[in-house]
Amino acid sequence: MDISWSTSSPTSGTFVSTERSGVADLVERFSELRAKGQGYLEVRGEAEFPVCALGFEGSAAVVHLMSGDGVVSLLIADEPGDASAEVLVMDDLVEFSAGFVLDLDRAWQVIEEFIRTGDPARAGDWFEL
């Protein structure tokens, strides 16, 4: 699957909407953001939608799905934590309830699966906002 992606800048921390391609480059950028402790990224396949987005702060992460026509959904946590968490969404820290907060490793697995298959349904249950 061909992908396009955009992420936070590892130097400035602001979201840069310039799309790039290449899975290896995305993995490298994610590693840079993870080392900094926060980041936001968006990934899409060959079509404009769906777009999978991952925002994180420390080990807390939230995965969004943008399906077009303004429809946005959040991935429901397999094992909800006890507390809400703030994660980076584009350029702002946004608080999410515990039911949507994933461990960063699990969230990255969701993004990797989306890159491999292009099918966000495989990630689990989604809550439409």
Protein backbone atom coordinates (compact mmCIF):
# COMPACT_ATOMS: atom_id res chain seq x y z
CA MET A 1 0.00 0.00 0.00
CA ASP A 2 1.29 3.45 -0.86
CA ILE A 3 0.99 5.90 2.01
CA SER A 4 1.12 9.61 2.59
CA TRP A 5 1.87 11.01 6.01
CA SER A 6 2.31 14.24 7.95
CA THR A 7 3.64 14.70 11.46
CA SER A 8 4.66 17.16 14.10
CA SER A 9 8.09 18.60 13.51
CA PRO A 10 10.62 16.98 15.85
CA THR A 11 12.40 20.31 16.20
CA SER A 12 9.57 22.85 16.59
CA GLY A 13 6.84 20.50 17.82
CA THR A 14 4.27 22.10 15.50
CA PHE A 15 2.24 20.09 13.00
CA VAL A 16 3.56 20.30 9.45
CA SER A 17 0.81 19.37 6.99
CA THR A 18 3.22 18.75 4.11
CA GLU A 19 2.63 15.15 3.12
CA ARG A 20 5.49 12.75 2.61
CA SER A 21 5.59 9.13 1.56
CA GLY A 22 7.53 6.06 2.51
CA VAL A 23 6.94 3.77 5.46
CA ALA A 24 10.61 3.71 6.51
CA ASP A 25 10.67 7.51 6.74
CA LEU A 26 7.49 7.50 8.82
CA VAL A 27 8.93 4.92 11.21
CA GLU A 28 12.06 7.05 11.59
CA ARG A 29 10.01 10.20 12.25
CA PHE A 30 7.83 8.39 14.79
CA SER A 31 11.00 7.26 16.59
CA GLU A 32 12.22 10.86 16.72
CA LEU A 33 8.91 12.09 18.12
CA ARG A 34 8.78 9.25 20.63
CA ALA A 35 12.26 10.16 21.85
CA LYS A 36 11.00 13.73 22.41
CA GLY A 37 8.03 12.37 24.39
CA GLN A 38 5.17 13.77 22.31
CA GLY A 39 3.89 13.95 18.78
CA TYR A 40 1.06 13.83 16.31
CA LEU A 41 0.88 12.07 12.95
CA GLU A 42 -1.63 11.43 10.20
CA VAL A 43 -1.46 8.55 7.71
CA ARG A 44 -3.54 7.93 4.60
CA GLY A 45 -3.46 5.37 1.85
CA GLU A 46 -3.90 5.99 -1.85
CA ALA A 47 -7.31 7.66 -1.39
CA GLU A 48 -8.05 10.91 0.43
CA PHE A 49 -9.92 8.98 3.15
CA PRO A 50 -9.74 7.25 5.53
CA VAL A 51 -7.03 9.00 7.52
CA CYS A 52 -5.69 7.46 10.72
CA ALA A 53 -4.18 9.89 13.22
CA LEU A 54 -2.15 9.22 16.35
CA GLY A 55 -1.54 11.79 19.06
CA PHE A 56 0.56 11.05 22.12
CA GLU A 57 2.13 12.49 25.22
CA GLY A 58 4.54 10.23 27.06
CA SER A 59 3.10 6.71 26.95
CA ALA A 60 -0.54 7.85 26.58
CA ALA A 61 -1.97 7.87 23.05
CA VAL A 62 -5.27 8.37 21.23
CA VAL A 63 -6.07 7.15 17.70
CA HIS A 64 -8.51 9.09 15.50
CA LEU A 65 -10.14 7.99 12.27
CA MET A 66 -11.29 10.57 9.75
CA SER A 67 -13.67 8.96 7.26
CA GLY A 68 -14.66 11.95 5.15
CA ASP A 69 -17.71 14.19 5.20
CA GLY A 70 -16.50 15.53 8.55
CA VAL A 71 -16.89 12.15 10.29
CA VAL A 72 -14.32 11.63 13.05
CA SER A 73 -14.16 8.60 15.33
CA LEU A 74 -11.97 7.61 18.27
CA LEU A 75 -10.62 4.12 18.82
CA ILE A 76 -12.06 2.67 22.01
CA ALA A 77 -9.38 1.36 24.36
CA ASP A 78 -9.24 -2.43 24.68
CA GLU A 79 -8.42 -2.05 28.36
CA PRO A 80 -9.46 1.42 29.55
CA GLY A 81 -7.23 2.98 32.15
CA ASP A 82 -8.37 4.66 35.33
CA ALA A 83 -7.58 8.23 34.33
CA SER A 84 -8.01 10.63 31.47
CA ALA A 85 -4.92 11.89 29.65
CA GLU A 86 -3.83 14.86 27.59
CA VAL A 87 -2.31 14.04 24.22
CA LEU A 88 -1.11 16.15 21.34
CA VAL A 89 -3.65 16.75 18.56
CA MET A 90 -2.07 18.79 15.80
CA ASP A 91 -0.58 21.65 17.88
CA ASP A 92 -2.62 21.45 21.10
CA LEU A 93 -2.79 19.21 24.13
CA VAL A 94 -6.33 17.81 24.33
CA GLU A 95 -7.78 15.83 27.23
CA PHE A 96 -9.45 12.50 26.50
CA SER A 97 -11.38 10.25 28.86
CA ALA A 98 -9.80 6.97 29.92
CA GLY A 99 -12.01 4.96 27.56
CA PHE A 100 -10.03 6.30 24.57
CA VAL A 101 -6.51 6.34 25.99
CA LEU A 102 -4.22 3.63 24.68
CA ASP A 103 -0.68 2.67 25.53
CA LEU A 104 1.63 4.18 22.91
CA ASP A 105 2.90 0.77 21.79
CA ARG A 106 -0.68 -0.41 21.15
CA ALA A 107 -1.52 2.81 19.28
CA TRP A 108 1.54 2.42 17.05
CA GLN A 109 0.47 -1.18 16.30
CA VAL A 110 -2.86 0.22 15.08
CA ILE A 111 -1.05 2.61 12.73
CA GLU A 112 1.21 -0.17 11.45
CA GLU A 113 -1.81 -2.41 10.79
CA PHE A 114 -3.54 0.44 8.95
CA ILE A 115 -0.42 0.95 6.81
CA ARG A 116 -0.30 -2.78 5.96
CA THR A 117 -4.00 -3.31 5.26
CA GLY A 118 -5.67 0.06 4.74
CA ASP A 119 -8.51 -1.29 6.89
CA PRO A 120 -9.16 0.69 10.11
CA ALA A 121 -11.91 -1.74 11.19
CA ARG A 122 -9.23 -4.28 12.10
CA ALA A 123 -8.05 -2.03 14.95
CA GLY A 124 -11.13 -2.57 17.11
CA ASP A 125 -14.26 -0.63 17.95
CA TRP A 126 -14.62 3.03 16.99
CA PHE A 127 -16.78 5.71 18.65
CA GLU A 128 -18.12 8.27 16.19
CA LEU A 129 -17.99 11.84 17.50
